[in-house]
Structures are given as structure tokens and as C-alpha cells.
């Protein structure tokens, strides 16, 4: 399983976290996502290779600012 940390600006509450989690799940319905407004990021576990551009498009379509993807 691949682990991604997506750095996101603009989340401020649990509603924002849920919105990001729901939006990112469209990239891979089986992925596990934990968004954190406090940490300004979303931690994702996925079996699928997901490009930075796919994350960027999803985050921006949700109305937030995509900063970068940290892969581990």
C-alpha cells in the first residue's frame, strides 16, 4: 500500500475535512483517507498509483488550495 500526504490550505473545520475526504475518495473508492484541518493535510493509503496532478485537480475542485504531495 502506498502512503501519500497531501498538503492542503483552506480547511478550517470537521466539515472541511469530510468534504476533502469525500472528494479524494473519488480517485480510488478503496483508499483510506484521514484529513486534518489542524495539520493542513490529508493522509491517504491506496493500492493505486495516484499522480500529483490527480490530487491537485480533486483538491481544487473541492474549493481548497493544493500545495504539494509528500510520498512515503
PDB file of N, CA and C in Angstrom:
ATOM      1  N   UNK A   1       0.838  -1.174   0.000  1.00  0.00           N
ATOM      2  CA  UNK A   1       0.000   0.000   0.000  1.00  0.00           C
ATOM      3  C   UNK A   1       0.888   1.244   0.000  1.00  0.00           C
ATOM      4  N   UNK A   2       0.499   2.227  -0.779  1.00  0.00           N
ATOM      5  CA  UNK A   2       1.262   3.476  -0.852  1.00  0.00           C
ATOM      6  C   UNK A   2       0.662   4.497   0.109  1.00  0.00           C
ATOM      7  N   UNK A   3       1.543   5.283   0.712  1.00  0.00           N
ATOM      8  CA  UNK A   3       1.094   6.330   1.629  1.00  0.00           C
ATOM      9  C   UNK A   3       1.429   7.678   1.016  1.00  0.00           C
ATOM     10  N   UNK A   4       0.431   8.543   0.963  1.00  0.00           N
ATOM     11  CA  UNK A   4       0.599   9.902   0.463  1.00  0.00           C
ATOM     12  C   UNK A   4       0.167  10.876   1.551  1.00  0.00           C
ATOM     13  N   UNK A   5       0.862  11.991   1.646  1.00  0.00           N
ATOM     14  CA  UNK A   5       0.424  13.107   2.477  1.00  0.00           C
ATOM     15  C   UNK A   5       0.201  14.266   1.512  1.00  0.00           C
ATOM     16  N   UNK A   6      -1.045  14.719   1.434  1.00  0.00           N
ATOM     17  CA  UNK A   6      -1.377  15.833   0.554  1.00  0.00           C
ATOM     18  C   UNK A   6      -1.523  17.081   1.416  1.00  0.00           C
ATOM     19  N   UNK A   7      -0.717  18.089   1.149  1.00  0.00           N
ATOM     20  CA  UNK A   7      -0.755  19.341   1.904  1.00  0.00           C
ATOM     21  C   UNK A   7      -1.808  20.242   1.265  1.00  0.00           C
ATOM     22  N   UNK A   8      -2.764  20.681   2.103  1.00  0.00           N
ATOM     23  CA  UNK A   8      -3.936  21.419   1.630  1.00  0.00           C
ATOM     24  C   UNK A   8      -4.148  22.666   2.474  1.00  0.00           C
ATOM     25  N   UNK A   9      -4.348  23.803   1.835  1.00  0.00           N
ATOM     26  CA  UNK A   9      -4.664  25.052   2.533  1.00  0.00           C
ATOM     27  C   UNK A   9      -6.166  25.300   2.442  1.00  0.00           C
ATOM     28  N   UNK A  10      -6.730  25.865   3.485  1.00  0.00           N
ATOM     29  CA  UNK A  10      -8.113  26.314   3.428  1.00  0.00           C
ATOM     30  C   UNK A  10      -9.096  25.513   4.256  1.00  0.00           C
ATOM     31  N   UNK A  11      -8.680  24.364   4.811  1.00  0.00           N
ATOM     32  CA  UNK A  11      -9.577  23.609   5.681  1.00  0.00           C
ATOM     33  C   UNK A  11      -9.584  24.267   7.058  1.00  0.00           C
ATOM     34  N   UNK A  12     -10.785  24.398   7.639  1.00  0.00           N
ATOM     35  CA  UNK A  12     -10.850  25.050   8.949  1.00  0.00           C
ATOM     36  C   UNK A  12     -11.712  24.312   9.973  1.00  0.00           C
ATOM     37  N   UNK A  13     -12.384  23.233   9.551  1.00  0.00           N
ATOM     38  CA  UNK A  13     -13.289  22.551  10.480  1.00  0.00           C
ATOM     39  C   UNK A  13     -13.518  21.105  10.040  1.00  0.00           C
ATOM     40  N   UNK A  14     -14.295  20.374  10.827  1.00  0.00           N
ATOM     41  CA  UNK A  14     -14.562  18.970  10.503  1.00  0.00           C
ATOM     42  C   UNK A  14     -15.381  18.832   9.218  1.00  0.00           C
ATOM     43  N   UNK A  15     -16.215  19.805   8.914  1.00  0.00           N
ATOM     44  CA  UNK A  15     -16.963  19.779   7.646  1.00  0.00           C
ATOM     45  C   UNK A  15     -15.988  19.824   6.471  1.00  0.00           C
ATOM     46  N   UNK A  16     -14.984  20.669   6.570  1.00  0.00           N
ATOM     47  CA  UNK A  16     -13.951  20.757   5.528  1.00  0.00           C
ATOM     48  C   UNK A  16     -13.226  19.426   5.385  1.00  0.00           C
ATOM     49  N   UNK A  17     -12.874  18.816   6.511  1.00  0.00           N
ATOM     50  CA  UNK A  17     -12.185  17.523   6.487  1.00  0.00           C
ATOM     51  C   UNK A  17     -13.044  16.475   5.777  1.00  0.00           C
ATOM     52  N   UNK A  18     -14.334  16.421   6.115  1.00  0.00           N
ATOM     53  CA  UNK A  18     -15.237  15.463   5.477  1.00  0.00           C
ATOM     54  C   UNK A  18     -15.365  15.721   3.984  1.00  0.00           C
ATOM     55  N   UNK A  19     -15.433  16.994   3.620  1.00  0.00           N
ATOM     56  CA  UNK A  19     -15.561  17.364   2.203  1.00  0.00           C
ATOM     57  C   UNK A  19     -14.336  16.895   1.414  1.00  0.00           C
ATOM     58  N   UNK A  20     -13.148  17.122   1.960  1.00  0.00           N
ATOM     59  CA  UNK A  20     -11.914  16.678   1.306  1.00  0.00           C
ATOM     60  C   UNK A  20     -11.878  15.148   1.226  1.00  0.00           C
ATOM     61  N   UNK A  21     -12.224  14.470   2.306  1.00  0.00           N
ATOM     62  CA  UNK A  21     -12.212  13.002   2.310  1.00  0.00           C
ATOM     63  C   UNK A  21     -13.160  12.451   1.248  1.00  0.00           C
ATOM     64  N   UNK A  22     -14.353  13.012   1.141  1.00  0.00           N
ATOM     65  CA  UNK A  22     -15.322  12.554   0.140  1.00  0.00           C
ATOM     66  C   UNK A  22     -14.836  12.838  -1.273  1.00  0.00           C
ATOM     67  N   UNK A  23     -14.248  13.992  -1.477  1.00  0.00           N
ATOM     68  CA  UNK A  23     -13.758  14.351  -2.810  1.00  0.00           C
ATOM     69  C   UNK A  23     -12.595  13.462  -3.229  1.00  0.00           C
ATOM     70  N   UNK A  24     -11.639  13.256  -2.339  1.00  0.00           N
ATOM     71  CA  UNK A  24     -10.479  12.430  -2.670  1.00  0.00           C
ATOM     72  C   UNK A  24     -10.855  10.963  -2.877  1.00  0.00           C
ATOM     73  N   UNK A  25     -11.904  10.500  -2.212  1.00  0.00           N
ATOM     74  CA  UNK A  25     -12.309   9.100  -2.374  1.00  0.00           C
ATOM     75  C   UNK A  25     -12.767   8.802  -3.797  1.00  0.00           C
ATOM     76  N   UNK A  26     -13.081   9.825  -4.571  1.00  0.00           N
ATOM     77  CA  UNK A  26     -13.466   9.602  -5.970  1.00  0.00           C
ATOM     78  C   UNK A  26     -12.284   9.107  -6.803  1.00  0.00           C
ATOM     79  N   UNK A  27     -11.051   9.341  -6.338  1.00  0.00           N
ATOM     80  CA  UNK A  27      -9.860   8.880  -7.059  1.00  0.00           C
ATOM     81  C   UNK A  27      -9.667   7.371  -6.923  1.00  0.00           C
ATOM     82  N   UNK A  28     -10.076   6.835  -5.782  1.00  0.00           N
ATOM     83  CA  UNK A  28      -9.972   5.401  -5.520  1.00  0.00           C
ATOM     84  C   UNK A  28     -10.904   5.092  -4.352  1.00  0.00           C
ATOM     85  N   UNK A  29     -12.081   4.536  -4.627  1.00  0.00           N
ATOM     86  CA  UNK A  29     -13.063   4.284  -3.562  1.00  0.00           C
ATOM     87  C   UNK A  29     -12.559   3.385  -2.432  1.00  0.00           C
ATOM     88  N   UNK A  30     -11.497   2.602  -2.680  1.00  0.00           N
ATOM     89  CA  UNK A  30     -10.977   1.697  -1.651  1.00  0.00           C
ATOM     90  C   UNK A  30      -9.919   2.351  -0.761  1.00  0.00           C
ATOM     91  N   UNK A  31      -9.480   3.564  -1.117  1.00  0.00           N
ATOM     92  CA  UNK A  31      -8.422   4.196  -0.329  1.00  0.00           C
ATOM     93  C   UNK A  31      -8.915   4.604   1.055  1.00  0.00           C
ATOM     94  N   UNK A  32      -7.974   4.691   1.971  1.00  0.00           N
ATOM     95  CA  UNK A  32      -8.265   5.170   3.325  1.00  0.00           C
ATOM     96  C   UNK A  32      -7.744   6.593   3.412  1.00  0.00           C
ATOM     97  N   UNK A  33      -8.592   7.510   3.903  1.00  0.00           N
ATOM     98  CA  UNK A  33      -8.237   8.926   3.942  1.00  0.00           C
ATOM     99  C   UNK A  33      -8.527   9.485   5.326  1.00  0.00           C
ATOM    100  N   UNK A  34      -7.592  10.266   5.836  1.00  0.00           N
ATOM    101  CA  UNK A  34      -7.801  10.989   7.093  1.00  0.00           C
ATOM    102  C   UNK A  34      -7.331  12.423   6.882  1.00  0.00           C
ATOM    103  N   UNK A  35      -8.281  13.335   6.739  1.00  0.00           N
ATOM    104  CA  UNK A  35      -7.949  14.747   6.560  1.00  0.00           C
ATOM    105  C   UNK A  35      -7.868  15.431   7.920  1.00  0.00           C
ATOM    106  N   UNK A  36      -6.988  16.424   8.025  1.00  0.00           N
ATOM    107  CA  UNK A  36      -6.817  17.176   9.268  1.00  0.00           C
ATOM    108  C   UNK A  36      -6.697  18.662   8.960  1.00  0.00           C
ATOM    109  N   UNK A  37      -7.687  19.427   9.412  1.00  0.00           N
ATOM    110  CA  UNK A  37      -7.627  20.876   9.234  1.00  0.00           C
ATOM    111  C   UNK A  37      -6.474  21.453  10.041  1.00  0.00           C
ATOM    112  N   UNK A  38      -6.261  20.899  11.226  1.00  0.00           N
ATOM    113  CA  UNK A  38      -5.184  21.376  12.101  1.00  0.00           C
ATOM    114  C   UNK A  38      -3.812  21.205  11.451  1.00  0.00           C
ATOM    115  N   UNK A  39      -3.596  20.044  10.826  1.00  0.00           N
ATOM    116  CA  UNK A  39      -2.311  19.759  10.187  1.00  0.00           C
ATOM    117  C   UNK A  39      -2.226  20.251   8.749  1.00  0.00           C
ATOM    118  N   UNK A  40      -3.342  20.763   8.230  1.00  0.00           N
ATOM    119  CA  UNK A  40      -3.415  21.255   6.839  1.00  0.00           C
ATOM    120  C   UNK A  40      -2.986  20.172   5.851  1.00  0.00           C
ATOM    121  N   UNK A  41      -3.510  18.951   6.075  1.00  0.00           N
ATOM    122  CA  UNK A  41      -3.124  17.853   5.189  1.00  0.00           C
ATOM    123  C   UNK A  41      -4.158  16.739   5.212  1.00  0.00           C
ATOM    124  N   UNK A  42      -3.986  15.826   4.273  1.00  0.00           N
ATOM    125  CA  UNK A  42      -4.761  14.591   4.243  1.00  0.00           C
ATOM    126  C   UNK A  42      -3.776  13.446   4.071  1.00  0.00           C
ATOM    127  N   UNK A  43      -3.932  12.425   4.899  1.00  0.00           N
ATOM    128  CA  UNK A  43      -3.099  11.237   4.807  1.00  0.00           C
ATOM    129  C   UNK A  43      -3.893  10.166   4.074  1.00  0.00           C
ATOM    130  N   UNK A  44      -3.304   9.601   3.034  1.00  0.00           N
ATOM    131  CA  UNK A  44      -4.011   8.670   2.170  1.00  0.00           C
ATOM    132  C   UNK A  44      -3.222   7.375   2.048  1.00  0.00           C
ATOM    133  N   UNK A  45      -3.924   6.260   2.170  1.00  0.00           N
ATOM    134  CA  UNK A  45      -3.357   4.939   1.908  1.00  0.00           C
ATOM    135  C   UNK A  45      -4.116   4.359   0.726  1.00  0.00           C
ATOM    136  N   UNK A  46      -3.384   3.968  -0.312  1.00  0.00           N
ATOM    137  CA  UNK A  46      -4.022   3.457  -1.517  1.00  0.00           C
ATOM    138  C   UNK A  46      -3.159   2.398  -2.176  1.00  0.00           C
ATOM    139  N   UNK A  47      -3.811   1.418  -2.777  1.00  0.00           N
ATOM    140  CA  UNK A  47      -3.103   0.406  -3.561  1.00  0.00           C
ATOM    141  C   UNK A  47      -2.773   0.946  -4.948  1.00  0.00           C
ATOM    142  N   UNK A  48      -3.427   2.013  -5.330  1.00  0.00           N
ATOM    143  CA  UNK A  48      -3.317   2.585  -6.672  1.00  0.00           C
ATOM    144  C   UNK A  48      -2.258   3.695  -6.703  1.00  0.00           C
ATOM    145  N   UNK A  49      -1.547   3.812  -7.829  1.00  0.00           N
ATOM    146  CA  UNK A  49      -0.649   4.947  -8.034  1.00  0.00           C
ATOM    147  C   UNK A  49      -1.502   6.156  -8.390  1.00  0.00           C
ATOM    148  N   UNK A  50      -1.360   7.226  -7.641  1.00  0.00           N
ATOM    149  CA  UNK A  50      -2.129   8.444  -7.887  1.00  0.00           C
ATOM    150  C   UNK A  50      -1.144   9.571  -8.125  1.00  0.00           C
ATOM    151  N   UNK A  51      -1.327  10.286  -9.219  1.00  0.00           N
ATOM    152  CA  UNK A  51      -0.387  11.354  -9.570  1.00  0.00           C
ATOM    153  C   UNK A  51      -0.683  12.621  -8.770  1.00  0.00           C
ATOM    154  N   UNK A  52       0.344  13.461  -8.678  1.00  0.00           N
ATOM    155  CA  UNK A  52       0.174  14.756  -8.015  1.00  0.00           C
ATOM    156  C   UNK A  52      -0.929  15.552  -8.697  1.00  0.00           C
ATOM    157  N   UNK A  53      -0.991  15.456 -10.031  1.00  0.00           N
ATOM    158  CA  UNK A  53      -1.990  16.212 -10.778  1.00  0.00           C
ATOM    159  C   UNK A  53      -3.413  15.741 -10.456  1.00  0.00           C
ATOM    160  N   UNK A  54      -3.594  14.442 -10.246  1.00  0.00           N
ATOM    161  CA  UNK A  54      -4.918  13.929  -9.864  1.00  0.00           C
ATOM    162  C   UNK A  54      -5.328  14.485  -8.500  1.00  0.00           C
ATOM    163  N   UNK A  55      -4.383  14.501  -7.547  1.00  0.00           N
ATOM    164  CA  UNK A  55      -4.675  15.080  -6.234  1.00  0.00           C
ATOM    165  C   UNK A  55      -4.982  16.570  -6.362  1.00  0.00           C
ATOM    166  N   UNK A  56      -4.182  17.269  -7.149  1.00  0.00           N
ATOM    167  CA  UNK A  56      -4.365  18.717  -7.337  1.00  0.00           C
ATOM    168  C   UNK A  56      -5.751  19.020  -7.895  1.00  0.00           C
ATOM    169  N   UNK A  57      -6.154  18.303  -8.923  1.00  0.00           N
ATOM    170  CA  UNK A  57      -7.462  18.523  -9.542  1.00  0.00           C
ATOM    171  C   UNK A  57      -8.591  18.274  -8.547  1.00  0.00           C
ATOM    172  N   UNK A  58      -8.493  17.195  -7.776  1.00  0.00           N
ATOM    173  CA  UNK A  58      -9.533  16.863  -6.804  1.00  0.00           C
ATOM    174  C   UNK A  58      -9.627  17.916  -5.694  1.00  0.00           C
ATOM    175  N   UNK A  59      -8.484  18.308  -5.147  1.00  0.00           N
ATOM    176  CA  UNK A  59      -8.464  19.293  -4.058  1.00  0.00           C
ATOM    177  C   UNK A  59      -9.032  20.638  -4.538  1.00  0.00           C
ATOM    178  N   UNK A  60      -8.598  21.079  -5.709  1.00  0.00           N
ATOM    179  CA  UNK A  60      -9.068  22.366  -6.228  1.00  0.00           C
ATOM    180  C   UNK A  60     -10.539  22.312  -6.612  1.00  0.00           C
ATOM    181  N   UNK A  61     -11.031  21.164  -7.073  1.00  0.00           N
ATOM    182  CA  UNK A  61     -12.455  21.048  -7.409  1.00  0.00           C
ATOM    183  C   UNK A  61     -13.319  21.135  -6.151  1.00  0.00           C
ATOM    184  N   UNK A  62     -12.732  20.790  -5.005  1.00  0.00           N
ATOM    185  CA  UNK A  62     -13.446  20.884  -3.728  1.00  0.00           C
ATOM    186  C   UNK A  62     -13.396  22.299  -3.151  1.00  0.00           C
ATOM    187  N   UNK A  63     -12.607  23.178  -3.782  1.00  0.00           N
ATOM    188  CA  UNK A  63     -12.549  24.565  -3.338  1.00  0.00           C
ATOM    189  C   UNK A  63     -11.411  24.894  -2.391  1.00  0.00           C
ATOM    190  N   UNK A  64     -10.421  24.024  -2.321  1.00  0.00           N
ATOM    191  CA  UNK A  64      -9.280  24.248  -1.435  1.00  0.00           C
ATOM    192  C   UNK A  64      -8.004  24.446  -2.255  1.00  0.00           C
ATOM    193  N   UNK A  65      -6.934  24.825  -1.579  1.00  0.00           N
ATOM    194  CA  UNK A  65      -5.673  25.108  -2.258  1.00  0.00           C
ATOM    195  C   UNK A  65      -4.729  23.924  -2.078  1.00  0.00           C
ATOM    196  N   UNK A  66      -4.357  23.316  -3.204  1.00  0.00           N
ATOM    197  CA  UNK A  66      -3.401  22.218  -3.215  1.00  0.00           C
ATOM    198  C   UNK A  66      -2.002  22.804  -3.102  1.00  0.00           C
ATOM    199  N   UNK A  67      -1.190  22.278  -2.184  1.00  0.00           N
ATOM    200  CA  UNK A  67       0.188  22.748  -2.022  1.00  0.00           C
ATOM    201  C   UNK A  67       1.199  21.754  -2.588  1.00  0.00           C
ATOM    202  N   UNK A  68       1.164  20.512  -2.104  1.00  0.00           N
ATOM    203  CA  UNK A  68       2.114  19.507  -2.566  1.00  0.00           C
ATOM    204  C   UNK A  68       1.701  18.131  -2.070  1.00  0.00           C
ATOM    205  N   UNK A  69       2.354  17.106  -2.651  1.00  0.00           N
ATOM    206  CA  UNK A  69       2.166  15.732  -2.207  1.00  0.00           C
ATOM    207  C   UNK A  69       3.500  15.228  -1.677  1.00  0.00           C
ATOM    208  N   UNK A  70       3.461  14.727  -0.463  1.00  0.00           N
ATOM    209  CA  UNK A  70       4.647  14.118   0.132  1.00  0.00           C
ATOM    210  C   UNK A  70       4.416  12.614   0.075  1.00  0.00           C
ATOM    211  N   UNK A  71       5.270  11.893  -0.615  1.00  0.00           N
ATOM    212  CA  UNK A  71       5.123  10.442  -0.738  1.00  0.00           C
ATOM    213  C   UNK A  71       6.069   9.761   0.228  1.00  0.00           C
ATOM    214  N   UNK A  72       5.596   8.685   0.832  1.00  0.00           N
ATOM    215  CA  UNK A  72       6.445   7.942   1.771  1.00  0.00           C
ATOM    216  C   UNK A  72       6.548   6.515   1.344  1.00  0.00           C
TER     217      UNK A  72
END
